[in-house]
Amino acid sequence: MSDKSLRELGEEYESAAAIIKERIAAKRKQLRELKESICSNEAYVLKSELKTLYAEQRETREIAEYLKTYYDPHEGKKEIFSYK
């Protein structure tokens, strides 16, 4: 079992979000460089992967923020993944 604090775990999640951001940038570059039609199967696959990566990045950033500020005194603190 790890002895890391929630803040340290949050920082690890932040690092993971940065890696996902780099993957997004690479996929976007691939999409821009497509010589074929933007409606090709390859473009469809890239767009689908981007959609998944954007969701992963958003959730990873939210978890990071939640962990890093878990013990901070917040009035009316929002729940993690409350998309209301």
Protein backbone atom coordinates (compact mmCIF):
# COMPACT_ATOMS: atom_id res chain seq x y z
CA MET A 1 0.00 0.00 0.00
CA SER A 2 1.24 3.47 -0.85
CA ASP A 3 1.85 6.21 1.69
CA LYS A 4 1.05 9.01 -0.75
CA SER A 5 -1.15 11.86 0.27
CA LEU A 6 -4.27 12.78 -1.66
CA ARG A 7 -2.45 15.87 -2.92
CA GLU A 8 0.36 13.70 -4.29
CA LEU A 9 -2.14 11.40 -5.96
CA GLY A 10 -3.84 14.47 -7.42
CA GLU A 11 -0.51 15.61 -8.83
CA GLU A 12 -0.04 12.19 -10.44
CA TYR A 13 -3.46 12.55 -12.04
CA GLU A 14 -2.42 16.00 -13.26
CA SER A 15 0.65 14.46 -14.90
CA ALA A 16 -1.54 11.82 -16.51
CA ALA A 17 -3.83 14.55 -17.86
CA ALA A 18 -0.80 16.27 -19.41
CA ILE A 19 0.19 13.02 -21.14
CA ILE A 20 -3.35 12.64 -22.48
CA LYS A 21 -3.16 16.24 -23.73
CA GLU A 22 -0.01 15.35 -25.68
CA ARG A 23 -1.79 12.35 -27.20
CA ILE A 24 -4.66 14.64 -28.21
CA ALA A 25 -2.24 17.03 -29.89
CA ALA A 26 -0.64 14.16 -31.83
CA LYS A 27 -4.04 12.84 -32.98
CA ARG A 28 -5.17 16.33 -34.02
CA LYS A 29 -1.97 16.73 -36.03
CA GLN A 30 -2.63 13.38 -37.73
CA LEU A 31 -6.15 14.50 -38.55
CA ARG A 32 -4.95 17.80 -40.05
CA GLU A 33 -2.34 16.01 -42.15
CA LEU A 34 -4.77 13.61 -43.79
CA LYS A 35 -4.30 13.91 -47.51
CA GLU A 36 -7.53 12.08 -48.24
CA SER A 37 -11.00 13.37 -47.61
CA ILE A 38 -11.80 14.45 -44.07
CA CYS A 39 -14.73 12.01 -44.34
CA SER A 40 -12.50 8.97 -44.81
CA ASN A 41 -12.51 5.96 -42.50
CA GLU A 42 -9.15 7.03 -41.10
CA ALA A 43 -10.56 10.45 -40.22
CA TYR A 44 -13.56 8.80 -38.58
CA VAL A 45 -11.29 6.60 -36.44
CA LEU A 46 -9.15 9.59 -35.43
CA LYS A 47 -12.20 11.65 -34.51
CA SER A 48 -13.57 8.77 -32.47
CA GLU A 49 -10.24 8.41 -30.64
CA LEU A 50 -10.15 12.15 -30.00
CA LYS A 51 -13.63 12.07 -28.50
CA THR A 52 -12.51 9.36 -26.08
CA LEU A 53 -9.27 11.18 -25.24
CA TYR A 54 -11.08 14.45 -24.53
CA ALA A 55 -13.39 12.65 -22.09
CA GLU A 56 -10.42 10.92 -20.43
CA GLN A 57 -8.57 14.20 -20.06
CA ARG A 58 -11.58 15.99 -18.60
CA GLU A 59 -12.23 13.26 -16.06
CA THR A 60 -8.55 12.95 -15.14
CA ARG A 61 -8.31 16.71 -14.52
CA GLU A 62 -11.47 16.63 -12.42
CA ILE A 63 -10.15 13.76 -10.32
CA ALA A 64 -6.83 15.56 -9.90
CA GLU A 65 -8.55 18.72 -8.69
CA TYR A 66 -10.85 16.76 -6.40
CA LEU A 67 -7.95 14.89 -4.78
CA LYS A 68 -5.73 17.95 -4.45
CA THR A 69 -8.44 20.00 -2.75
CA TYR A 70 -10.15 17.22 -0.80
CA TYR A 71 -9.26 18.64 2.60
CA ASP A 72 -9.60 22.30 1.65
CA PRO A 73 -12.52 24.00 3.38
CA HIS A 74 -15.07 24.60 0.64
CA GLU A 75 -18.62 25.54 1.29
CA GLY A 76 -20.95 23.61 -0.98
CA LYS A 77 -18.13 21.52 -2.45
CA LYS A 78 -19.24 19.90 -5.71
CA GLU A 79 -19.27 16.17 -6.06
CA ILE A 80 -16.89 14.57 -8.47
CA PHE A 81 -18.54 13.89 -11.85
CA SER A 82 -21.68 15.84 -11.05
CA TYR A 83 -22.67 17.00 -14.52
CA LYS A 84 -25.74 18.99 -13.55
